[in-house]
N, C-alpha and C. Protein backbone atom coordinates (compact mmCIF):
# COMPACT_ATOMS: atom_id res chain seq x y z
N MET A 1 80.03 120.00 143.02
CA MET A 1 81.11 120.48 142.32
C MET A 1 81.75 119.18 142.32
N ARG A 2 82.27 119.41 141.26
CA ARG A 2 83.19 117.37 140.86
C ARG A 2 84.63 117.89 140.97
N THR A 3 85.11 116.95 141.76
CA THR A 3 86.46 116.70 142.05
C THR A 3 87.56 116.42 141.10
N THR A 4 88.58 116.94 140.80
CA THR A 4 89.42 116.05 140.23
C THR A 4 90.34 115.66 140.76
N PRO A 5 91.16 114.46 140.37
CA PRO A 5 92.47 113.94 140.68
C PRO A 5 93.53 114.82 141.13
N PHE A 6 93.40 115.88 140.43
CA PHE A 6 94.35 117.19 140.46
C PHE A 6 93.75 118.14 141.87
N HIS A 7 93.59 117.65 142.75
CA HIS A 7 93.00 118.38 143.72
C HIS A 7 94.27 118.72 144.79
N LYS A 8 94.13 120.02 145.13
CA LYS A 8 95.54 120.18 145.82
C LYS A 8 95.95 119.65 146.87
N GLU A 9 95.25 118.26 147.42
CA GLU A 9 95.77 117.76 148.32
C GLU A 9 96.47 116.29 147.48
N TYR A 10 96.29 116.27 146.50
CA TYR A 10 96.44 114.99 145.81
C TYR A 10 98.07 115.66 144.76
N GLN A 11 98.11 116.68 145.04
CA GLN A 11 99.46 117.20 144.06
C GLN A 11 100.92 116.65 144.56
N TYR A 12 101.30 116.13 143.47
CA TYR A 12 102.44 115.84 143.53
C TYR A 12 104.02 116.93 142.99
N ASP A 13 104.88 116.74 143.56
CA ASP A 13 106.06 117.86 143.22
C ASP A 13 107.01 116.64 142.04
N MET A 14 106.55 116.87 140.93
CA MET A 14 107.27 116.25 139.71
C MET A 14 108.55 117.16 139.06
N MET A 15 109.43 116.44 138.75
CA MET A 15 110.58 117.45 137.94
C MET A 15 110.91 116.91 136.43
N THR A 16 110.68 117.39 135.60
CA THR A 16 111.62 117.44 134.45
C THR A 16 112.74 117.04 133.89
N LEU A 17 112.93 116.45 133.06
CA LEU A 17 114.64 115.96 132.95
C LEU A 17 115.28 117.43 132.91
N GLU A 18 114.92 118.26 132.09
CA GLU A 18 116.13 119.67 132.75
C GLU A 18 115.81 120.16 134.02
N GLU A 19 115.04 119.80 134.73
CA GLU A 19 114.98 120.76 136.23
C GLU A 19 116.12 119.56 136.78
N VAL A 20 116.17 118.30 136.56
CA VAL A 20 116.70 116.88 137.37
C VAL A 20 118.30 117.45 137.01
N ALA A 21 118.52 117.77 135.91
CA ALA A 21 119.82 117.88 135.26
C ALA A 21 120.58 119.01 136.01
N LYS A 22 119.67 119.99 135.80
CA LYS A 22 119.99 121.15 136.66
C LYS A 22 120.57 121.07 138.07
N TYR A 23 119.31 120.31 138.61
CA TYR A 23 119.47 120.22 140.16
C TYR A 23 120.90 119.25 140.36
N LEU A 24 121.14 118.06 139.70
CA LEU A 24 122.47 117.12 140.01
C LEU A 24 123.64 118.07 138.90
N ARG A 25 123.32 119.12 138.34
CA ARG A 25 124.70 119.71 137.84
C ARG A 25 124.87 118.69 136.84
N LYS A 26 124.54 118.03 136.03
CA LYS A 26 124.60 117.29 135.37
C LYS A 26 123.79 117.60 133.78
N SER A 27 124.38 117.04 132.80
CA SER A 27 123.90 117.28 131.12
C SER A 27 122.60 116.36 131.21
N PRO A 28 121.91 116.68 130.30
CA PRO A 28 120.47 116.10 130.21
C PRO A 28 120.57 115.15 129.60
N SER A 29 121.92 114.73 128.80
CA SER A 29 121.76 113.53 128.53
C SER A 29 122.07 112.41 129.59
N TRP A 30 123.49 112.67 130.28
CA TRP A 30 123.50 112.20 131.49
C TRP A 30 122.05 111.89 132.34
N VAL A 31 121.27 112.52 132.39
CA VAL A 31 119.88 112.24 133.28
C VAL A 31 119.57 111.19 132.38
N TYR A 32 119.09 111.23 131.05
CA TYR A 32 118.31 110.55 130.30
C TYR A 32 118.77 109.05 130.21
N LYS A 33 120.11 108.94 130.01
CA LYS A 33 121.18 107.69 130.03
C LYS A 33 120.47 106.98 131.56
N HIS A 34 120.47 107.87 132.28
CA HIS A 34 120.39 106.98 133.84
C HIS A 34 119.03 107.63 134.35
N TRP A 35 117.93 107.63 133.59
CA TRP A 35 116.51 107.90 133.87
C TRP A 35 115.79 106.64 134.97
N LYS A 36 116.13 105.74 134.64
CA LYS A 36 115.63 104.75 135.60
C LYS A 36 116.43 104.42 137.12
N ARG A 37 117.42 104.69 137.20
CA ARG A 37 118.09 104.46 138.66
C ARG A 37 117.59 105.99 139.13
N LEU A 38 117.10 106.92 138.35
CA LEU A 38 117.18 108.04 139.22
C LEU A 38 115.37 107.90 140.06
N GLY A 39 114.31 107.24 139.25
CA GLY A 39 113.12 106.87 139.30
C GLY A 39 112.42 107.70 138.39
N GLY A 40 113.13 108.32 137.40
CA GLY A 40 111.99 108.50 136.24
C GLY A 40 111.31 107.53 135.41
N LYS A 41 109.85 108.06 135.32
CA LYS A 41 108.67 107.54 134.39
C LYS A 41 108.78 107.97 133.47
N LYS A 42 108.44 107.10 132.29
CA LYS A 42 107.55 107.65 131.03
C LYS A 42 106.20 107.30 130.76
N LEU A 43 105.92 108.61 130.36
CA LEU A 43 104.32 108.94 129.88
C LEU A 43 103.94 109.81 128.71
N GLY A 44 103.51 109.00 127.93
CA GLY A 44 103.46 109.79 126.70
C GLY A 44 104.76 110.21 125.81
N GLY A 45 106.03 109.37 126.19
CA GLY A 45 106.97 109.99 125.45
C GLY A 45 107.92 110.74 126.24
N SER A 46 107.32 111.33 127.44
CA SER A 46 108.03 112.35 128.04
C SER A 46 108.33 111.67 129.36
N LEU A 47 109.71 111.93 129.86
CA LEU A 47 109.99 111.74 131.34
C LEU A 47 109.62 112.50 132.65
N PHE A 48 109.00 111.81 133.48
CA PHE A 48 109.04 112.48 134.68
C PHE A 48 109.90 111.84 135.92
N PHE A 49 110.02 112.62 136.81
CA PHE A 49 111.20 112.44 138.08
C PHE A 49 110.12 112.86 139.39
N PRO A 50 110.61 112.17 140.37
CA PRO A 50 109.88 112.66 141.34
C PRO A 50 110.64 113.90 142.20
N SER A 51 110.21 114.14 143.04
CA SER A 51 110.07 115.50 143.99
C SER A 51 111.82 115.84 144.02
N LYS A 52 112.24 116.57 144.36
CA LYS A 52 113.58 116.92 144.90
C LYS A 52 114.22 115.69 146.13
N GLU A 53 113.18 115.92 147.03
CA GLU A 53 113.36 114.99 148.39
C GLU A 53 113.51 113.69 148.08
N ASP A 54 112.57 113.12 146.92
CA ASP A 54 112.51 111.83 147.11
C ASP A 54 113.90 111.46 145.88
N LEU A 55 114.12 112.27 144.99
CA LEU A 55 115.26 112.26 144.41
C LEU A 55 116.82 111.87 144.99
N TYR A 56 117.15 113.16 145.99
CA TYR A 56 118.24 113.32 146.91
C TYR A 56 117.98 111.71 147.52
N GLU A 57 116.82 111.18 148.17
CA GLU A 57 117.21 110.34 149.26
C GLU A 57 117.56 108.66 147.71
N ARG A 58 116.67 108.85 146.81
CA ARG A 58 117.25 107.48 145.63
C ARG A 58 118.82 107.59 145.60
N VAL A 59 119.10 109.19 145.26
CA VAL A 59 120.82 109.24 145.06
C VAL A 59 121.45 109.08 145.94
N PHE A 60 121.47 109.24 147.03
CA PHE A 60 122.26 109.44 148.35
C PHE A 60 122.07 108.10 149.03
N PHE A 61 120.86 107.57 149.63
CA PHE A 61 120.81 106.69 150.55
C PHE A 61 120.50 105.42 150.23
N LYS A 62 119.87 104.99 148.73
CA LYS A 62 119.44 103.68 148.32
C LYS A 62 120.74 102.70 148.23
N GLU A 63 120.16 101.42 148.56
CA GLU A 63 121.31 100.68 148.90
C GLU A 63 121.75 100.05 147.55
N LYS A 64 122.90 99.83 146.97
CA LYS A 64 123.06 99.13 146.12
C LYS A 64 122.90 97.53 146.08
N LYS A 65 122.71 97.37 144.69
CA LYS A 65 122.67 95.65 144.47
C LYS A 65 123.46 95.14 144.40
């Protein structure tokens, strides 16, 4: 049986722009404006964000430069 990179132990929780907006109680346009600071990554024209736990750490505990 061939294994794929999406095997259960390799799955990651990613969030969409809309999910992040709802989680942070911000508008999608606000999230898009700040996507780099929030740890978003662009892939094929779509934005993906880290899990809620990672996003929370980034927003509330990351040192400001």
